[in-house]
C-alpha atoms as a PDB file:
ATOM      1  CA  UNK A   1      -0.870   9.169  39.836  1.00  0.00           C
ATOM      2  CA  UNK A   2       1.320   7.966  36.710  1.00  0.00           C
ATOM      3  CA  UNK A   3       1.926   9.625  33.990  1.00  0.00           C
ATOM      4  CA  UNK A   4       2.067   6.542  31.709  1.00  0.00           C
ATOM      5  CA  UNK A   5      -1.400   6.085  29.425  1.00  0.00           C
ATOM      6  CA  UNK A   6      -2.316   3.060  27.684  1.00  0.00           C
ATOM      7  CA  UNK A   7      -1.621   2.541  23.904  1.00  0.00           C
ATOM      8  CA  UNK A   8      -4.066   3.886  22.003  1.00  0.00           C
ATOM      9  CA  UNK A   9      -4.099   0.263  20.081  1.00  0.00           C
ATOM     10  CA  UNK A  10      -3.992  -2.353  23.032  1.00  0.00           C
ATOM     11  CA  UNK A  11      -5.196  -4.652  21.117  1.00  0.00           C
ATOM     12  CA  UNK A  12      -3.184  -4.494  18.122  1.00  0.00           C
ATOM     13  CA  UNK A  13      -0.053  -4.384  20.479  1.00  0.00           C
ATOM     14  CA  UNK A  14      -1.074  -7.018  22.328  1.00  0.00           C
ATOM     15  CA  UNK A  15      -1.321  -9.275  18.991  1.00  0.00           C
ATOM     16  CA  UNK A  16       1.611  -8.036  17.885  1.00  0.00           C
ATOM     17  CA  UNK A  17       3.735  -8.752  21.084  1.00  0.00           C
ATOM     18  CA  UNK A  18       2.573 -12.144  20.958  1.00  0.00           C
ATOM     19  CA  UNK A  19       3.246 -12.626  17.277  1.00  0.00           C
ATOM     20  CA  UNK A  20       7.105 -11.463  18.015  1.00  0.00           C
ATOM     21  CA  UNK A  21       7.158 -13.792  21.130  1.00  0.00           C
ATOM     22  CA  UNK A  22       6.926 -16.768  18.049  1.00  0.00           C
ATOM     23  CA  UNK A  23       3.070 -17.535  19.544  1.00  0.00           C
ATOM     24  CA  UNK A  24       1.946 -19.738  16.568  1.00  0.00           C
ATOM     25  CA  UNK A  25      -1.676 -19.044  17.137  1.00  0.00           C
ATOM     26  CA  UNK A  26      -1.179 -15.112  17.860  1.00  0.00           C
ATOM     27  CA  UNK A  27       1.570 -15.066  14.179  1.00  0.00           C
ATOM     28  CA  UNK A  28      -1.267 -16.578  12.137  1.00  0.00           C
ATOM     29  CA  UNK A  29      -3.740 -13.935  13.441  1.00  0.00           C
ATOM     30  CA  UNK A  30      -1.148 -11.100  12.426  1.00  0.00           C
ATOM     31  CA  UNK A  31      -0.474 -12.588   9.354  1.00  0.00           C
ATOM     32  CA  UNK A  32      -3.802 -13.345   7.958  1.00  0.00           C
ATOM     33  CA  UNK A  33      -4.624  -9.313   9.276  1.00  0.00           C
ATOM     34  CA  UNK A  34      -0.879  -8.773   7.455  1.00  0.00           C
ATOM     35  CA  UNK A  35      -1.774 -10.475   4.003  1.00  0.00           C
ATOM     36  CA  UNK A  36      -4.234  -8.130   2.719  1.00  0.00           C
ATOM     37  CA  UNK A  37      -2.208  -4.728   3.617  1.00  0.00           C
ATOM     38  CA  UNK A  38       0.977  -6.443   2.444  1.00  0.00           C
ATOM     39  CA  UNK A  39      -0.676  -7.547  -1.334  1.00  0.00           C
ATOM     40  CA  UNK A  40      -1.944  -4.179  -2.025  1.00  0.00           C
ATOM     41  CA  UNK A  41       1.974  -2.820  -1.484  1.00  0.00           C
ATOM     42  CA  UNK A  42       2.989  -5.411  -3.620  1.00  0.00           C
ATOM     43  CA  UNK A  43       0.842  -4.750  -6.306  1.00  0.00           C
ATOM     44  CA  UNK A  44       0.905  -1.065  -6.080  1.00  0.00           C
ATOM     45  CA  UNK A  45       4.287  -1.134  -6.067  1.00  0.00           C
ATOM     46  CA  UNK A  46       5.928  -4.487  -8.089  1.00  0.00           C
ATOM     47  CA  UNK A  47       4.780  -4.352 -12.076  1.00  0.00           C
ATOM     48  CA  UNK A  48       5.532  -7.383 -12.889  1.00  0.00           C
ATOM     49  CA  UNK A  49       3.030 -10.221 -10.902  1.00  0.00           C
ATOM     50  CA  UNK A  50       5.493 -12.578 -10.209  1.00  0.00           C
ATOM     51  CA  UNK A  51       7.663  -9.834  -8.738  1.00  0.00           C
ATOM     52  CA  UNK A  52       4.204  -9.136  -6.826  1.00  0.00           C
ATOM     53  CA  UNK A  53       3.806 -12.510  -5.109  1.00  0.00           C
ATOM     54  CA  UNK A  54       7.699 -13.025  -4.349  1.00  0.00           C
ATOM     55  CA  UNK A  55       7.693  -9.192  -2.907  1.00  0.00           C
ATOM     56  CA  UNK A  56       4.505 -10.373  -1.098  1.00  0.00           C
ATOM     57  CA  UNK A  57       6.152 -13.223   0.522  1.00  0.00           C
ATOM     58  CA  UNK A  58       9.407 -11.480   1.598  1.00  0.00           C
ATOM     59  CA  UNK A  59       7.174  -8.545   3.010  1.00  0.00           C
ATOM     60  CA  UNK A  60       5.435 -10.774   4.570  1.00  0.00           C
ATOM     61  CA  UNK A  61       8.144 -12.084   6.682  1.00  0.00           C
ATOM     62  CA  UNK A  62       9.499  -9.018   7.005  1.00  0.00           C
ATOM     63  CA  UNK A  63       6.196  -7.535   8.663  1.00  0.00           C
ATOM     64  CA  UNK A  64       5.829 -10.687  11.204  1.00  0.00           C
ATOM     65  CA  UNK A  65       9.680 -10.292  12.284  1.00  0.00           C
ATOM     66  CA  UNK A  66       9.712  -6.634  13.366  1.00  0.00           C
ATOM     67  CA  UNK A  67       6.159  -7.460  14.978  1.00  0.00           C
ATOM     68  CA  UNK A  68       8.093  -7.011  18.363  1.00  0.00           C
ATOM     69  CA  UNK A  69       8.633  -3.007  17.632  1.00  0.00           C
ATOM     70  CA  UNK A  70       5.441  -1.897  16.892  1.00  0.00           C
ATOM     71  CA  UNK A  71       4.170   0.155  19.751  1.00  0.00           C
ATOM     72  CA  UNK A  72       0.302   0.678  19.450  1.00  0.00           C
ATOM     73  CA  UNK A  73       1.022   4.405  18.932  1.00  0.00           C
ATOM     74  CA  UNK A  74      -0.311   4.260  15.412  1.00  0.00           C
ATOM     75  CA  UNK A  75      -2.688   2.316  13.803  1.00  0.00           C
ATOM     76  CA  UNK A  76      -1.882  -1.315  12.770  1.00  0.00           C
ATOM     77  CA  UNK A  77      -2.631  -1.395   9.041  1.00  0.00           C
ATOM     78  CA  UNK A  78      -0.615   1.558   8.331  1.00  0.00           C
ATOM     79  CA  UNK A  79       2.244   0.215  10.398  1.00  0.00           C
ATOM     80  CA  UNK A  80       2.464  -2.800   8.448  1.00  0.00           C
ATOM     81  CA  UNK A  81       2.098  -0.975   4.905  1.00  0.00           C
ATOM     82  CA  UNK A  82       5.191   1.231   6.006  1.00  0.00           C
ATOM     83  CA  UNK A  83       6.904  -1.660   6.676  1.00  0.00           C
ATOM     84  CA  UNK A  84       5.751  -3.684   3.745  1.00  0.00           C
ATOM     85  CA  UNK A  85       6.410  -0.723   1.518  1.00  0.00           C
ATOM     86  CA  UNK A  86      10.120  -0.658   2.759  1.00  0.00           C
ATOM     87  CA  UNK A  87      10.636  -4.227   2.136  1.00  0.00           C
ATOM     88  CA  UNK A  88       8.785  -4.273  -1.790  1.00  0.00           C
ATOM     89  CA  UNK A  89      10.672  -0.927  -2.470  1.00  0.00           C
ATOM     90  CA  UNK A  90      14.004  -3.310  -1.601  1.00  0.00           C
ATOM     91  CA  UNK A  91      12.682  -5.961  -3.467  1.00  0.00           C
ATOM     92  CA  UNK A  92      11.903  -4.054  -6.419  1.00  0.00           C
ATOM     93  CA  UNK A  93      15.468  -2.672  -6.570  1.00  0.00           C
ATOM     94  CA  UNK A  94      17.328  -5.551  -6.152  1.00  0.00           C
ATOM     95  CA  UNK A  95      15.187  -7.441  -8.865  1.00  0.00           C
ATOM     96  CA  UNK A  96      16.125  -4.316 -11.253  1.00  0.00           C
ATOM     97  CA  UNK A  97      19.400  -4.253 -10.200  1.00  0.00           C
ATOM     98  CA  UNK A  98      19.647  -8.290 -11.167  1.00  0.00           C
ATOM     99  CA  UNK A  99      17.748  -7.753 -14.683  1.00  0.00           C
ATOM    100  CA  UNK A 100      19.822  -4.866 -15.794  1.00  0.00           C
ATOM    101  CA  UNK A 101      22.684  -7.121 -15.504  1.00  0.00           C
ATOM    102  CA  UNK A 102      21.054  -9.730 -17.374  1.00  0.00           C
ATOM    103  CA  UNK A 103      22.027  -9.318 -21.319  1.00  0.00           C
ATOM    104  CA  UNK A 104      19.230 -11.385 -22.066  1.00  0.00           C
ATOM    105  CA  UNK A 105      16.748  -9.624 -20.712  1.00  0.00           C
ATOM    106  CA  UNK A 106      13.689  -8.690 -22.614  1.00  0.00           C
ATOM    107  CA  UNK A 107      11.474  -5.290 -22.215  1.00  0.00           C
ATOM    108  CA  UNK A 108       8.222  -6.158 -20.951  1.00  0.00           C
ATOM    109  CA  UNK A 109       4.976  -4.213 -20.269  1.00  0.00           C
ATOM    110  CA  UNK A 110       4.757  -3.428 -16.981  1.00  0.00           C
ATOM    111  CA  UNK A 111       1.152  -3.495 -15.248  1.00  0.00           C
ATOM    112  CA  UNK A 112      -0.501  -2.730 -11.893  1.00  0.00           C
ATOM    113  CA  UNK A 113      -3.416  -3.972 -10.700  1.00  0.00           C
ATOM    114  CA  UNK A 114      -5.358  -0.611 -10.264  1.00  0.00           C
ATOM    115  CA  UNK A 115      -9.043  -0.854 -11.407  1.00  0.00           C
ATOM    116  CA  UNK A 116     -11.501   1.612 -10.849  1.00  0.00           C
ATOM    117  CA  UNK A 117     -14.833   2.599 -11.903  1.00  0.00           C
ATOM    118  CA  UNK A 118     -13.291   6.402 -12.681  1.00  0.00           C
ATOM    119  CA  UNK A 119     -10.702   4.851 -14.383  1.00  0.00           C
ATOM    120  CA  UNK A 120     -12.453   2.989 -16.944  1.00  0.00           C
ATOM    121  CA  UNK A 121     -13.373   6.310 -18.792  1.00  0.00           C
ATOM    122  CA  UNK A 122      -9.601   7.162 -19.359  1.00  0.00           C
ATOM    123  CA  UNK A 123      -8.403   6.716 -23.116  1.00  0.00           C
ATOM    124  CA  UNK A 124      -6.336   4.044 -21.769  1.00  0.00           C
ATOM    125  CA  UNK A 125      -5.771   1.849 -18.526  1.00  0.00           C
ATOM    126  CA  UNK A 126      -3.892   3.994 -16.141  1.00  0.00           C
ATOM    127  CA  UNK A 127      -1.353   1.062 -15.958  1.00  0.00           C
ATOM    128  CA  UNK A 128      -0.029   2.574 -19.711  1.00  0.00           C
ATOM    129  CA  UNK A 129       0.029   6.098 -18.418  1.00  0.00           C
ATOM    130  CA  UNK A 130       2.126   5.465 -14.729  1.00  0.00           C
ATOM    131  CA  UNK A 131       4.185   3.252 -17.252  1.00  0.00           C
ATOM    132  CA  UNK A 132       5.332   6.275 -18.934  1.00  0.00           C
ATOM    133  CA  UNK A 133       6.474   7.905 -15.963  1.00  0.00           C
ATOM    134  CA  UNK A 134      10.357   8.025 -14.574  1.00  0.00           C
ATOM    135  CA  UNK A 135      10.559   5.561 -12.137  1.00  0.00           C
ATOM    136  CA  UNK A 136      11.553   7.591  -8.899  1.00  0.00           C
ATOM    137  CA  UNK A 137       8.231   9.617  -9.754  1.00  0.00           C
ATOM    138  CA  UNK A 138       5.616   6.733 -10.265  1.00  0.00           C
ATOM    139  CA  UNK A 139       6.896   5.365  -7.296  1.00  0.00           C
ATOM    140  CA  UNK A 140       6.033   8.519  -5.191  1.00  0.00           C
ATOM    141  CA  UNK A 141       2.705   9.183  -6.676  1.00  0.00           C
ATOM    142  CA  UNK A 142       1.577   5.252  -6.084  1.00  0.00           C
ATOM    143  CA  UNK A 143       2.861   5.189  -2.656  1.00  0.00           C
ATOM    144  CA  UNK A 144       0.935   8.911  -1.858  1.00  0.00           C
ATOM    145  CA  UNK A 145      -2.080   8.041  -3.916  1.00  0.00           C
ATOM    146  CA  UNK A 146      -2.667   4.327  -3.987  1.00  0.00           C
ATOM    147  CA  UNK A 147      -1.424   3.947  -0.668  1.00  0.00           C
ATOM    148  CA  UNK A 148      -2.431   6.576   1.417  1.00  0.00           C
ATOM    149  CA  UNK A 149       1.705   7.508   2.867  1.00  0.00           C
ATOM    150  CA  UNK A 150       2.521  11.002   3.894  1.00  0.00           C
ATOM    151  CA  UNK A 151       5.241  13.260   2.237  1.00  0.00           C
ATOM    152  CA  UNK A 152       7.545  13.017   5.119  1.00  0.00           C
ATOM    153  CA  UNK A 153       7.080   8.803   4.995  1.00  0.00           C
ATOM    154  CA  UNK A 154       7.638   8.799   1.432  1.00  0.00           C
ATOM    155  CA  UNK A 155      10.829  10.744   1.549  1.00  0.00           C
ATOM    156  CA  UNK A 156      11.930   8.238   4.476  1.00  0.00           C
ATOM    157  CA  UNK A 157      10.965   5.110   2.298  1.00  0.00           C
ATOM    158  CA  UNK A 158      12.820   6.377  -0.717  1.00  0.00           C
ATOM    159  CA  UNK A 159      15.570   8.448   0.749  1.00  0.00           C
ATOM    160  CA  UNK A 160      15.473  11.389  -0.796  1.00  0.00           C
ATOM    161  CA  UNK A 161      15.007  14.784   0.910  1.00  0.00           C
ATOM    162  CA  UNK A 162      10.843  16.063   1.533  1.00  0.00           C
ATOM    163  CA  UNK A 163      11.435  18.890  -1.485  1.00  0.00           C
ATOM    164  CA  UNK A 164      12.373  16.730  -3.467  1.00  0.00           C
ATOM    165  CA  UNK A 165       9.765  14.380  -2.831  1.00  0.00           C
ATOM    166  CA  UNK A 166       6.987  16.849  -3.532  1.00  0.00           C
ATOM    167  CA  UNK A 167       8.585  17.758  -6.798  1.00  0.00           C
ATOM    168  CA  UNK A 168       8.664  14.631  -8.011  1.00  0.00           C
ATOM    169  CA  UNK A 169       4.706  14.408  -6.915  1.00  0.00           C
ATOM    170  CA  UNK A 170       3.970  17.333  -8.825  1.00  0.00           C
ATOM    171  CA  UNK A 171       5.779  16.458 -11.950  1.00  0.00           C
ATOM    172  CA  UNK A 172       4.347  12.896 -12.157  1.00  0.00           C
ATOM    173  CA  UNK A 173       0.623  14.568 -11.526  1.00  0.00           C
ATOM    174  CA  UNK A 174       1.666  17.537 -14.802  1.00  0.00           C
ATOM    175  CA  UNK A 175       2.879  14.443 -16.996  1.00  0.00           C
ATOM    176  CA  UNK A 176      -0.070  12.070 -16.224  1.00  0.00           C
ATOM    177  CA  UNK A 177      -2.719  14.862 -16.970  1.00  0.00           C
ATOM    178  CA  UNK A 178      -0.835  15.619 -20.341  1.00  0.00           C
ATOM    179  CA  UNK A 179      -0.491  12.335 -21.555  1.00  0.00           C
ATOM    180  CA  UNK A 180      -4.570  12.023 -21.060  1.00  0.00           C
ATOM    181  CA  UNK A 181      -5.248  14.914 -22.407  1.00  0.00           C
ATOM    182  CA  UNK A 182      -2.944  13.981 -25.578  1.00  0.00           C
ATOM    183  CA  UNK A 183      -5.034  10.675 -26.371  1.00  0.00           C
ATOM    184  CA  UNK A 184      -8.127  12.602 -25.818  1.00  0.00           C
ATOM    185  CA  UNK A 185      -7.328  15.290 -28.484  1.00  0.00           C
ATOM    186  CA  UNK A 186      -5.911  12.064 -30.822  1.00  0.00           C
ATOM    187  CA  UNK A 187      -9.731  11.087 -29.886  1.00  0.00           C
ATOM    188  CA  UNK A 188      -8.142   7.409 -28.440  1.00  0.00           C
ATOM    189  CA  UNK A 189     -11.314   5.241 -27.336  1.00  0.00           C
ATOM    190  CA  UNK A 190     -11.297   3.992 -24.072  1.00  0.00           C
ATOM    191  CA  UNK A 191      -9.809   0.019 -24.603  1.00  0.00           C
ATOM    192  CA  UNK A 192     -12.163  -2.804 -23.206  1.00  0.00           C
ATOM    193  CA  UNK A 193     -10.732  -3.810 -19.695  1.00  0.00           C
ATOM    194  CA  UNK A 194     -11.006  -7.095 -18.738  1.00  0.00           C
ATOM    195  CA  UNK A 195     -11.393  -7.444 -14.713  1.00  0.00           C
END
């Protein structure tokens, strides 16, 4: 009797293996499966719409290239999200460093595309409040709450110790509460939003 147990996600494993081996039909199915997940990651992490599209394309390439490494021990979408998050973070860091070196860079207002019914009652769009957070806090809270990564995954993705990640998320929550309460106390009316 063999101790080897089949991978819990056998169909996903077969698809990833076929896509990774160069099967064009499997690669197309794999990429179609990955696009919504990667798009969500790119939109959550990259603020600029152009960056989102560029990051999406590069992350899809990374996900397809990494297909042979998927082992089927967890959900394929979760694995895709993790690979895509690494790729998008890498892209955003590179883009930020490139812009920092550019003298003619102008400050732009960065917004994400997270829109939910609950957020409509905020005095300002959530993107406004997130934009006021330090980069490391904003990234940590987005990875945790918008993309559902675990604390240990965020630590790995951001190359920070777990206590640092926990601290960043805690400080981000406190600062978001403070900013929203400030606007509520000032009587700031919710801004009409377009979809």
